[in-house]
Amino acid sequence: MTYVDGFVVAVPTANRAIFKKHAEDAAVIFRDHGALKVVECWGDDVPPGEVTSFPLAVKCKEDETVVFSWVLWADRAARDAGMKRVMEDPRMAPGVNPMPFDGKRMIYGGFEVIVER
């Protein structure tokens, strides 16, 4: 079964075009290092919650939009090796492709796919 890395971030809404460019550049790097697919989704219908929600999880401010992203890998081994190479790739250096959001508020994790149709 495939393996997925998932990410949720709060991006300043004014940075949408900058974020899109950042994500497009990063997607090339992920693909170069074995990712099968990279998907970036700009929040369109992401309601705030009282107890939990995407906006609460990333401490989304009024002038920010929640972005939900995932990277699909062939399996966990491919992800572990690929992610290591992605993090070492000089094209991912902050001076080359800076994150247009507060990375300290990003939530992420790796997930074993258990149902795939």
C-alpha atoms as a PDB file:
ATOM      1  CA  MET A   1       0.000   0.000   0.000  1.00  0.00           C
ATOM      2  CA  THR A   2       1.015   3.594  -0.560  1.00  0.00           C
ATOM      3  CA  TYR A   3       2.129   6.011   2.136  1.00  0.00           C
ATOM      4  CA  VAL A   4       1.012   9.630   2.643  1.00  0.00           C
ATOM      5  CA  ASP A   5       2.599  12.628   4.303  1.00  0.00           C
ATOM      6  CA  GLY A   6      -0.074  15.159   5.305  1.00  0.00           C
ATOM      7  CA  PHE A   7       0.384  18.841   6.104  1.00  0.00           C
ATOM      8  CA  VAL A   8      -1.869  21.653   7.348  1.00  0.00           C
ATOM      9  CA  VAL A   9      -0.629  25.263   7.498  1.00  0.00           C
ATOM     10  CA  ALA A  10      -2.027  28.759   7.874  1.00  0.00           C
ATOM     11  CA  VAL A  11      -0.841  30.948   4.997  1.00  0.00           C
ATOM     12  CA  PRO A  12      -1.316  34.717   4.893  1.00  0.00           C
ATOM     13  CA  THR A  13      -4.119  35.151   2.371  1.00  0.00           C
ATOM     14  CA  ALA A  14      -2.159  37.910   0.643  1.00  0.00           C
ATOM     15  CA  ASN A  15       0.618  35.352  -0.009  1.00  0.00           C
ATOM     16  CA  ARG A  16      -1.526  33.017  -2.136  1.00  0.00           C
ATOM     17  CA  ALA A  17       0.479  33.568  -5.352  1.00  0.00           C
ATOM     18  CA  ILE A  18       3.789  33.394  -3.472  1.00  0.00           C
ATOM     19  CA  PHE A  19       2.657  30.190  -1.745  1.00  0.00           C
ATOM     20  CA  LYS A  20       1.572  28.662  -5.051  1.00  0.00           C
ATOM     21  CA  LYS A  21       5.020  29.316  -6.545  1.00  0.00           C
ATOM     22  CA  HIS A  22       6.698  27.916  -3.414  1.00  0.00           C
ATOM     23  CA  ALA A  23       4.506  24.806  -3.584  1.00  0.00           C
ATOM     24  CA  GLU A  24       5.106  24.304  -7.319  1.00  0.00           C
ATOM     25  CA  ASP A  25       8.866  24.526  -6.795  1.00  0.00           C
ATOM     26  CA  ALA A  26       8.760  22.161  -3.812  1.00  0.00           C
ATOM     27  CA  ALA A  27       6.571  19.682  -5.721  1.00  0.00           C
ATOM     28  CA  VAL A  28       9.289  19.312  -8.360  1.00  0.00           C
ATOM     29  CA  ILE A  29      11.800  18.504  -5.631  1.00  0.00           C
ATOM     30  CA  PHE A  30       9.496  15.967  -3.967  1.00  0.00           C
ATOM     31  CA  ARG A  31       8.854  14.289  -7.335  1.00  0.00           C
ATOM     32  CA  ASP A  32      12.596  14.269  -8.092  1.00  0.00           C
ATOM     33  CA  HIS A  33      13.102  12.304  -4.878  1.00  0.00           C
ATOM     34  CA  GLY A  34      10.415   9.676  -5.383  1.00  0.00           C
ATOM     35  CA  ALA A  35       7.052  11.199  -4.523  1.00  0.00           C
ATOM     36  CA  LEU A  36       4.302   9.856  -6.762  1.00  0.00           C
ATOM     37  CA  LYS A  37       2.021  12.861  -6.342  1.00  0.00           C
ATOM     38  CA  VAL A  38       1.973  16.216  -4.545  1.00  0.00           C
ATOM     39  CA  VAL A  39      -1.339  17.967  -3.844  1.00  0.00           C
ATOM     40  CA  GLU A  40      -1.778  21.477  -2.420  1.00  0.00           C
ATOM     41  CA  CYS A  41      -5.295  22.668  -1.517  1.00  0.00           C
ATOM     42  CA  TRP A  42      -6.210  26.284  -0.711  1.00  0.00           C
ATOM     43  CA  GLY A  43      -8.958  26.447   1.939  1.00  0.00           C
ATOM     44  CA  ASP A  44     -12.347  27.362   0.548  1.00  0.00           C
ATOM     45  CA  ASP A  45     -14.830  25.975   3.089  1.00  0.00           C
ATOM     46  CA  VAL A  46     -12.911  25.498   6.344  1.00  0.00           C
ATOM     47  CA  PRO A  47     -15.173  26.387   9.255  1.00  0.00           C
ATOM     48  CA  PRO A  48     -13.754  27.358  12.630  1.00  0.00           C
ATOM     49  CA  GLY A  49     -14.571  24.992  15.454  1.00  0.00           C
ATOM     50  CA  GLU A  50     -15.265  25.444  19.111  1.00  0.00           C
ATOM     51  CA  VAL A  51     -13.268  22.454  20.313  1.00  0.00           C
ATOM     52  CA  THR A  52     -11.173  21.450  17.303  1.00  0.00           C
ATOM     53  CA  SER A  53     -10.829  22.367  13.635  1.00  0.00           C
ATOM     54  CA  PHE A  54      -8.213  23.003  10.988  1.00  0.00           C
ATOM     55  CA  PRO A  55      -8.128  26.753  11.800  1.00  0.00           C
ATOM     56  CA  LEU A  56      -7.731  26.083  15.520  1.00  0.00           C
ATOM     57  CA  ALA A  57      -5.041  23.457  14.947  1.00  0.00           C
ATOM     58  CA  VAL A  58      -2.782  25.889  13.075  1.00  0.00           C
ATOM     59  CA  LYS A  59      -3.819  29.001  15.026  1.00  0.00           C
ATOM     60  CA  CYS A  60      -5.158  30.559  11.835  1.00  0.00           C
ATOM     61  CA  LYS A  61      -5.487  34.339  12.018  1.00  0.00           C
ATOM     62  CA  GLU A  62      -8.203  36.402  10.291  1.00  0.00           C
ATOM     63  CA  ASP A  63      -5.886  37.381   7.460  1.00  0.00           C
ATOM     64  CA  GLU A  64      -4.766  33.782   6.827  1.00  0.00           C
ATOM     65  CA  THR A  65      -6.147  30.805   4.905  1.00  0.00           C
ATOM     66  CA  VAL A  66      -5.788  27.146   5.831  1.00  0.00           C
ATOM     67  CA  VAL A  67      -3.880  25.043   3.304  1.00  0.00           C
ATOM     68  CA  PHE A  68      -4.181  21.251   3.317  1.00  0.00           C
ATOM     69  CA  SER A  69      -1.512  19.296   1.451  1.00  0.00           C
ATOM     70  CA  TRP A  70      -0.363  15.768   0.950  1.00  0.00           C
ATOM     71  CA  VAL A  71       2.449  13.869  -0.702  1.00  0.00           C
ATOM     72  CA  LEU A  72       1.869  10.341  -1.980  1.00  0.00           C
ATOM     73  CA  TRP A  73       4.732   7.835  -1.847  1.00  0.00           C
ATOM     74  CA  ALA A  74       4.977   4.210  -3.030  1.00  0.00           C
ATOM     75  CA  ASP A  75       5.500   3.000   0.551  1.00  0.00           C
ATOM     76  CA  ARG A  76       7.017   3.996   3.896  1.00  0.00           C
ATOM     77  CA  ALA A  77      10.557   3.049   2.820  1.00  0.00           C
ATOM     78  CA  ALA A  78      10.289   5.242  -0.283  1.00  0.00           C
ATOM     79  CA  ARG A  79       8.992   8.092   1.884  1.00  0.00           C
ATOM     80  CA  ASP A  80      11.748   7.776   4.478  1.00  0.00           C
ATOM     81  CA  ALA A  81      14.486   7.763   1.829  1.00  0.00           C
ATOM     82  CA  GLY A  82      12.809  10.406  -0.328  1.00  0.00           C
ATOM     83  CA  MET A  83      12.022  12.788   2.524  1.00  0.00           C
ATOM     84  CA  LYS A  84      15.638  12.591   3.723  1.00  0.00           C
ATOM     85  CA  ARG A  85      16.828  13.547   0.232  1.00  0.00           C
ATOM     86  CA  VAL A  86      14.215  16.337  -0.009  1.00  0.00           C
ATOM     87  CA  MET A  87      15.397  17.871   3.268  1.00  0.00           C
ATOM     88  CA  GLU A  88      19.036  17.696   2.092  1.00  0.00           C
ATOM     89  CA  ASP A  89      18.283  19.119  -1.363  1.00  0.00           C
ATOM     90  CA  PRO A  90      19.823  22.605  -1.720  1.00  0.00           C
ATOM     91  CA  ARG A  91      16.727  23.732  -3.651  1.00  0.00           C
ATOM     92  CA  MET A  92      14.784  23.473  -0.366  1.00  0.00           C
ATOM     93  CA  ALA A  93      17.124  25.833   1.501  1.00  0.00           C
ATOM     94  CA  PRO A  94      15.286  28.773   3.103  1.00  0.00           C
ATOM     95  CA  GLY A  95      17.284  31.248   1.023  1.00  0.00           C
ATOM     96  CA  VAL A  96      16.300  29.481  -2.192  1.00  0.00           C
ATOM     97  CA  ASN A  97      12.644  28.571  -1.543  1.00  0.00           C
ATOM     98  CA  PRO A  98      11.554  30.334   1.676  1.00  0.00           C
ATOM     99  CA  MET A  99       8.297  29.266   3.311  1.00  0.00           C
ATOM    100  CA  PRO A 100       5.719  32.057   2.886  1.00  0.00           C
ATOM    101  CA  PHE A 101       4.037  31.069   6.171  1.00  0.00           C
ATOM    102  CA  ASP A 102       4.912  30.399   9.812  1.00  0.00           C
ATOM    103  CA  GLY A 103       6.394  26.905   9.742  1.00  0.00           C
ATOM    104  CA  LYS A 104       6.145  26.648  13.545  1.00  0.00           C
ATOM    105  CA  ARG A 105       2.356  26.377  13.188  1.00  0.00           C
ATOM    106  CA  MET A 106       2.457  23.637  10.545  1.00  0.00           C
ATOM    107  CA  ILE A 107       1.031  20.262  11.500  1.00  0.00           C
ATOM    108  CA  TYR A 108       2.305  17.234   9.650  1.00  0.00           C
ATOM    109  CA  GLY A 109       2.534  13.491   9.886  1.00  0.00           C
ATOM    110  CA  GLY A 110       3.041  10.291   7.961  1.00  0.00           C
ATOM    111  CA  PHE A 111       0.152   7.920   7.371  1.00  0.00           C
ATOM    112  CA  GLU A 112      -0.062   4.311   6.311  1.00  0.00           C
ATOM    113  CA  VAL A 113      -2.865   3.940   3.762  1.00  0.00           C
ATOM    114  CA  ILE A 114      -5.316   1.263   4.931  1.00  0.00           C
ATOM    115  CA  VAL A 115      -8.088   1.750   2.336  1.00  0.00           C
ATOM    116  CA  GLU A 116      -7.448   2.870  -1.227  1.00  0.00           C
ATOM    117  CA  ARG A 117     -10.047   2.501  -3.985  1.00  0.00           C
END
